[in-house]
Amino acid sequence: PAEPTLVLRLKFLNDTERLARVRPGDTVGALKRTYFPGQEQQVRLIYQGQLLRDDSQSLAGLHLGHLSVLHCHLSPPSVAPAAPGTPGPRSPAPATLGVGSLALPLFVLLLALLWYLQLQHRHVFTATATTCLAGLTLLVTFVAFAMYRR
């Protein structure tokens, strides 16, 4: 008798999904080779919070059910080092500085200025304005920690 097939959901970080038809006897490595040809080294599969490191492990050993979700992370391909004797690049390309990377420092600077003005000119700031300033400061603090926590 033919081995039954399973349909797995491959879910990516950008919330897109792909369906994969596999057999329980297939290995993690075979799944990578079939659905990520040429990218086997860059793809990381995660099932129930566990990174599937062993490419020789069978899918049946993972107790995958029909429509089980495998989270997929594709890392960018690594650049191979230049062979000896070949000239390499003289300097790395400058990193682009986008508006998004400047937004948080500008907000922090603006908040620091507002706090300075609040402390120096208390009579201009009402209780509501000071409360809003404190709330905005907390919000920017949480956003900063969330962005730079990596």
C-alpha atoms as a PDB file:
ATOM      1  CA  PRO A   1       0.000   0.000   0.000  1.00  0.00           C
ATOM      2  CA  ALA A   2       1.086   3.535  -0.759  1.00  0.00           C
ATOM      3  CA  GLU A   3       2.254   5.596   2.193  1.00  0.00           C
ATOM      4  CA  PRO A   4      -0.333   8.250   3.144  1.00  0.00           C
ATOM      5  CA  THR A   5       0.522  11.862   2.502  1.00  0.00           C
ATOM      6  CA  LEU A   6       0.344  14.725   4.944  1.00  0.00           C
ATOM      7  CA  VAL A   7      -0.265  18.355   4.157  1.00  0.00           C
ATOM      8  CA  LEU A   8       1.880  20.686   6.251  1.00  0.00           C
ATOM      9  CA  ARG A   9       1.548  24.448   6.526  1.00  0.00           C
ATOM     10  CA  LEU A  10       4.876  26.248   6.058  1.00  0.00           C
ATOM     11  CA  LYS A  11       4.463  29.629   7.733  1.00  0.00           C
ATOM     12  CA  PHE A  12       6.969  32.417   7.118  1.00  0.00           C
ATOM     13  CA  LEU A  13       7.876  35.474   9.221  1.00  0.00           C
ATOM     14  CA  ASN A  14       5.896  37.784   6.932  1.00  0.00           C
ATOM     15  CA  ASP A  15       2.746  35.714   7.719  1.00  0.00           C
ATOM     16  CA  THR A  16       2.613  34.114   4.281  1.00  0.00           C
ATOM     17  CA  GLU A  17       1.944  30.403   4.109  1.00  0.00           C
ATOM     18  CA  ARG A  18       2.751  27.601   1.735  1.00  0.00           C
ATOM     19  CA  LEU A  19       1.309  24.082   1.728  1.00  0.00           C
ATOM     20  CA  ALA A  20       3.682  21.133   1.549  1.00  0.00           C
ATOM     21  CA  ARG A  21       2.652  17.573   0.642  1.00  0.00           C
ATOM     22  CA  VAL A  22       4.952  15.096   2.380  1.00  0.00           C
ATOM     23  CA  ARG A  23       5.045  11.470   3.478  1.00  0.00           C
ATOM     24  CA  PRO A  24       5.528  10.621   7.158  1.00  0.00           C
ATOM     25  CA  GLY A  25       8.672   8.674   6.226  1.00  0.00           C
ATOM     26  CA  ASP A  26      10.306  11.735   4.654  1.00  0.00           C
ATOM     27  CA  THR A  27      13.096  13.442   6.550  1.00  0.00           C
ATOM     28  CA  VAL A  28      13.490  17.086   7.540  1.00  0.00           C
ATOM     29  CA  GLY A  29      16.355  17.327   5.030  1.00  0.00           C
ATOM     30  CA  ALA A  30      14.163  15.944   2.210  1.00  0.00           C
ATOM     31  CA  LEU A  31      11.494  18.535   3.051  1.00  0.00           C
ATOM     32  CA  LYS A  32      14.102  21.308   2.857  1.00  0.00           C
ATOM     33  CA  ARG A  33      15.504  19.993  -0.452  1.00  0.00           C
ATOM     34  CA  THR A  34      12.030  19.678  -2.000  1.00  0.00           C
ATOM     35  CA  TYR A  35      10.544  23.010  -0.943  1.00  0.00           C
ATOM     36  CA  PHE A  36      13.706  25.128  -0.620  1.00  0.00           C
ATOM     37  CA  PRO A  37      16.048  23.899  -3.396  1.00  0.00           C
ATOM     38  CA  GLY A  38      19.443  25.545  -3.177  1.00  0.00           C
ATOM     39  CA  GLN A  39      18.534  27.188   0.149  1.00  0.00           C
ATOM     40  CA  GLU A  40      18.791  24.169   2.435  1.00  0.00           C
ATOM     41  CA  GLN A  41      21.550  25.801   4.483  1.00  0.00           C
ATOM     42  CA  GLN A  42      19.650  29.076   4.902  1.00  0.00           C
ATOM     43  CA  VAL A  43      16.272  27.647   5.963  1.00  0.00           C
ATOM     44  CA  ARG A  44      15.452  26.989   9.618  1.00  0.00           C
ATOM     45  CA  LEU A  45      12.334  24.981  10.441  1.00  0.00           C
ATOM     46  CA  ILE A  46      10.659  25.303  13.829  1.00  0.00           C
ATOM     47  CA  TYR A  47       7.930  22.997  15.121  1.00  0.00           C
ATOM     48  CA  GLN A  48       6.215  23.625  18.459  1.00  0.00           C
ATOM     49  CA  GLY A  49       8.960  26.001  19.520  1.00  0.00           C
ATOM     50  CA  GLN A  50      11.778  23.549  18.746  1.00  0.00           C
ATOM     51  CA  LEU A  51      14.359  24.179  16.025  1.00  0.00           C
ATOM     52  CA  LEU A  52      14.580  21.111  13.783  1.00  0.00           C
ATOM     53  CA  ARG A  53      18.360  20.745  13.606  1.00  0.00           C
ATOM     54  CA  ASP A  54      18.625  17.086  12.578  1.00  0.00           C
ATOM     55  CA  ASP A  55      18.042  16.813   8.817  1.00  0.00           C
ATOM     56  CA  SER A  56      17.962  13.008   9.074  1.00  0.00           C
ATOM     57  CA  GLN A  57      15.002  12.999  11.499  1.00  0.00           C
ATOM     58  CA  SER A  58      11.818  11.618   9.988  1.00  0.00           C
ATOM     59  CA  LEU A  59       8.639  13.659   9.968  1.00  0.00           C
ATOM     60  CA  ALA A  60       6.804  10.736  11.599  1.00  0.00           C
ATOM     61  CA  GLY A  61       9.198  11.037  14.548  1.00  0.00           C
ATOM     62  CA  LEU A  62       8.001  14.600  15.062  1.00  0.00           C
ATOM     63  CA  HIS A  63       4.373  13.399  15.359  1.00  0.00           C
ATOM     64  CA  LEU A  64       3.202  15.867  12.743  1.00  0.00           C
ATOM     65  CA  GLY A  65      -0.494  15.804  11.984  1.00  0.00           C
ATOM     66  CA  HIS A  66      -2.465  16.905   8.943  1.00  0.00           C
ATOM     67  CA  LEU A  67      -2.133  20.722   8.548  1.00  0.00           C
ATOM     68  CA  SER A  68       0.507  21.020  11.271  1.00  0.00           C
ATOM     69  CA  VAL A  69       2.360  24.336  11.155  1.00  0.00           C
ATOM     70  CA  LEU A  70       6.102  24.475  10.563  1.00  0.00           C
ATOM     71  CA  HIS A  71       7.539  27.958  11.035  1.00  0.00           C
ATOM     72  CA  CYS A  72      10.183  28.805   8.439  1.00  0.00           C
ATOM     73  CA  HIS A  73      12.988  31.310   8.750  1.00  0.00           C
ATOM     74  CA  LEU A  74      15.084  32.022   5.679  1.00  0.00           C
ATOM     75  CA  SER A  75      18.358  33.711   6.492  1.00  0.00           C
ATOM     76  CA  PRO A  76      20.123  35.667   3.754  1.00  0.00           C
ATOM     77  CA  PRO A  77      22.841  33.731   1.923  1.00  0.00           C
ATOM     78  CA  SER A  78      26.278  34.240   3.373  1.00  0.00           C
ATOM     79  CA  VAL A  79      28.919  35.791   1.145  1.00  0.00           C
ATOM     80  CA  ALA A  80      31.745  33.381   0.400  1.00  0.00           C
ATOM     81  CA  PRO A  81      35.196  34.679   1.360  1.00  0.00           C
ATOM     82  CA  ALA A  82      37.403  35.720  -1.550  1.00  0.00           C
ATOM     83  CA  ALA A  83      40.027  33.262  -2.693  1.00  0.00           C
ATOM     84  CA  PRO A  84      43.619  34.073  -1.714  1.00  0.00           C
ATOM     85  CA  GLY A  85      45.265  36.343  -4.238  1.00  0.00           C
ATOM     86  CA  THR A  86      42.015  37.855  -5.483  1.00  0.00           C
ATOM     87  CA  PRO A  87      41.494  41.442  -4.532  1.00  0.00           C
ATOM     88  CA  GLY A  88      38.526  41.941  -2.259  1.00  0.00           C
ATOM     89  CA  PRO A  89      36.368  45.005  -1.938  1.00  0.00           C
ATOM     90  CA  ARG A  90      38.267  48.021  -0.640  1.00  0.00           C
ATOM     91  CA  SER A  91      35.677  49.079   1.873  1.00  0.00           C
ATOM     92  CA  PRO A  92      32.231  47.898   2.830  1.00  0.00           C
ATOM     93  CA  ALA A  93      29.268  49.674   1.284  1.00  0.00           C
ATOM     94  CA  PRO A  94      27.990  52.473   3.484  1.00  0.00           C
ATOM     95  CA  ALA A  95      24.854  51.604   5.418  1.00  0.00           C
ATOM     96  CA  THR A  96      21.786  53.466   4.296  1.00  0.00           C
ATOM     97  CA  LEU A  97      20.378  55.845   6.858  1.00  0.00           C
ATOM     98  CA  GLY A  98      16.623  55.915   6.482  1.00  0.00           C
ATOM     99  CA  VAL A  99      14.069  58.180   8.077  1.00  0.00           C
ATOM    100  CA  GLY A 100      12.813  55.238  10.167  1.00  0.00           C
ATOM    101  CA  SER A 101      16.153  54.854  11.908  1.00  0.00           C
ATOM    102  CA  LEU A 102      16.143  58.552  12.819  1.00  0.00           C
ATOM    103  CA  ALA A 103      12.549  58.730  14.087  1.00  0.00           C
ATOM    104  CA  LEU A 104      13.146  57.317  17.556  1.00  0.00           C
ATOM    105  CA  PRO A 105      16.216  59.455  18.362  1.00  0.00           C
ATOM    106  CA  LEU A 106      14.316  62.545  17.185  1.00  0.00           C
ATOM    107  CA  PHE A 107      11.355  61.666  19.434  1.00  0.00           C
ATOM    108  CA  VAL A 108      13.709  61.189  22.384  1.00  0.00           C
ATOM    109  CA  LEU A 109      15.358  64.530  21.676  1.00  0.00           C
ATOM    110  CA  LEU A 110      11.960  66.226  21.406  1.00  0.00           C
ATOM    111  CA  LEU A 111      10.826  64.650  24.679  1.00  0.00           C
ATOM    112  CA  ALA A 112      14.027  65.776  26.421  1.00  0.00           C
ATOM    113  CA  LEU A 113      13.403  69.323  25.198  1.00  0.00           C
ATOM    114  CA  LEU A 114       9.783  69.238  26.391  1.00  0.00           C
ATOM    115  CA  TRP A 115      10.838  67.932  29.829  1.00  0.00           C
ATOM    116  CA  TYR A 116      13.467  70.687  30.080  1.00  0.00           C
ATOM    117  CA  LEU A 117      10.833  73.291  29.233  1.00  0.00           C
ATOM    118  CA  GLN A 118       8.405  71.722  31.706  1.00  0.00           C
ATOM    119  CA  LEU A 119      10.969  71.922  34.511  1.00  0.00           C
ATOM    120  CA  GLN A 120      12.108  75.459  33.656  1.00  0.00           C
ATOM    121  CA  HIS A 121       8.666  76.934  32.941  1.00  0.00           C
ATOM    122  CA  ARG A 122       6.213  75.035  35.144  1.00  0.00           C
ATOM    123  CA  HIS A 123       3.651  77.840  34.990  1.00  0.00           C
ATOM    124  CA  VAL A 124       3.106  77.211  31.223  1.00  0.00           C
ATOM    125  CA  PHE A 125       2.361  73.491  31.627  1.00  0.00           C
ATOM    126  CA  THR A 126      -1.023  72.447  33.030  1.00  0.00           C
ATOM    127  CA  ALA A 127      -1.485  69.225  34.976  1.00  0.00           C
ATOM    128  CA  THR A 128      -3.083  67.646  31.899  1.00  0.00           C
ATOM    129  CA  ALA A 129      -0.143  68.633  29.696  1.00  0.00           C
ATOM    130  CA  THR A 130       2.342  67.212  32.207  1.00  0.00           C
ATOM    131  CA  THR A 131       0.359  63.954  32.443  1.00  0.00           C
ATOM    132  CA  CYS A 132       0.262  63.657  28.641  1.00  0.00           C
ATOM    133  CA  LEU A 133       4.005  64.313  28.500  1.00  0.00           C
ATOM    134  CA  ALA A 134       4.627  61.556  31.058  1.00  0.00           C
ATOM    135  CA  GLY A 135       2.396  59.137  29.118  1.00  0.00           C
ATOM    136  CA  LEU A 136       4.112  59.955  25.841  1.00  0.00           C
ATOM    137  CA  THR A 137       7.482  59.434  27.510  1.00  0.00           C
ATOM    138  CA  LEU A 138       6.399  55.985  28.719  1.00  0.00           C
ATOM    139  CA  LEU A 139       5.125  55.078  25.254  1.00  0.00           C
ATOM    140  CA  VAL A 140       8.372  56.124  23.546  1.00  0.00           C
ATOM    141  CA  THR A 141      10.360  54.237  26.201  1.00  0.00           C
ATOM    142  CA  PHE A 142       8.430  51.013  25.514  1.00  0.00           C
ATOM    143  CA  VAL A 143       8.876  51.436  21.764  1.00  0.00           C
ATOM    144  CA  ALA A 144      12.616  52.038  22.210  1.00  0.00           C
ATOM    145  CA  PHE A 145      13.043  48.904  24.318  1.00  0.00           C
ATOM    146  CA  ALA A 146      10.997  46.862  21.862  1.00  0.00           C
ATOM    147  CA  MET A 147      13.082  48.068  18.910  1.00  0.00           C
ATOM    148  CA  TYR A 148      16.500  47.610  20.480  1.00  0.00           C
ATOM    149  CA  ARG A 149      15.831  44.490  22.558  1.00  0.00           C
ATOM    150  CA  ARG A 150      17.206  42.173  19.884  1.00  0.00           C
END
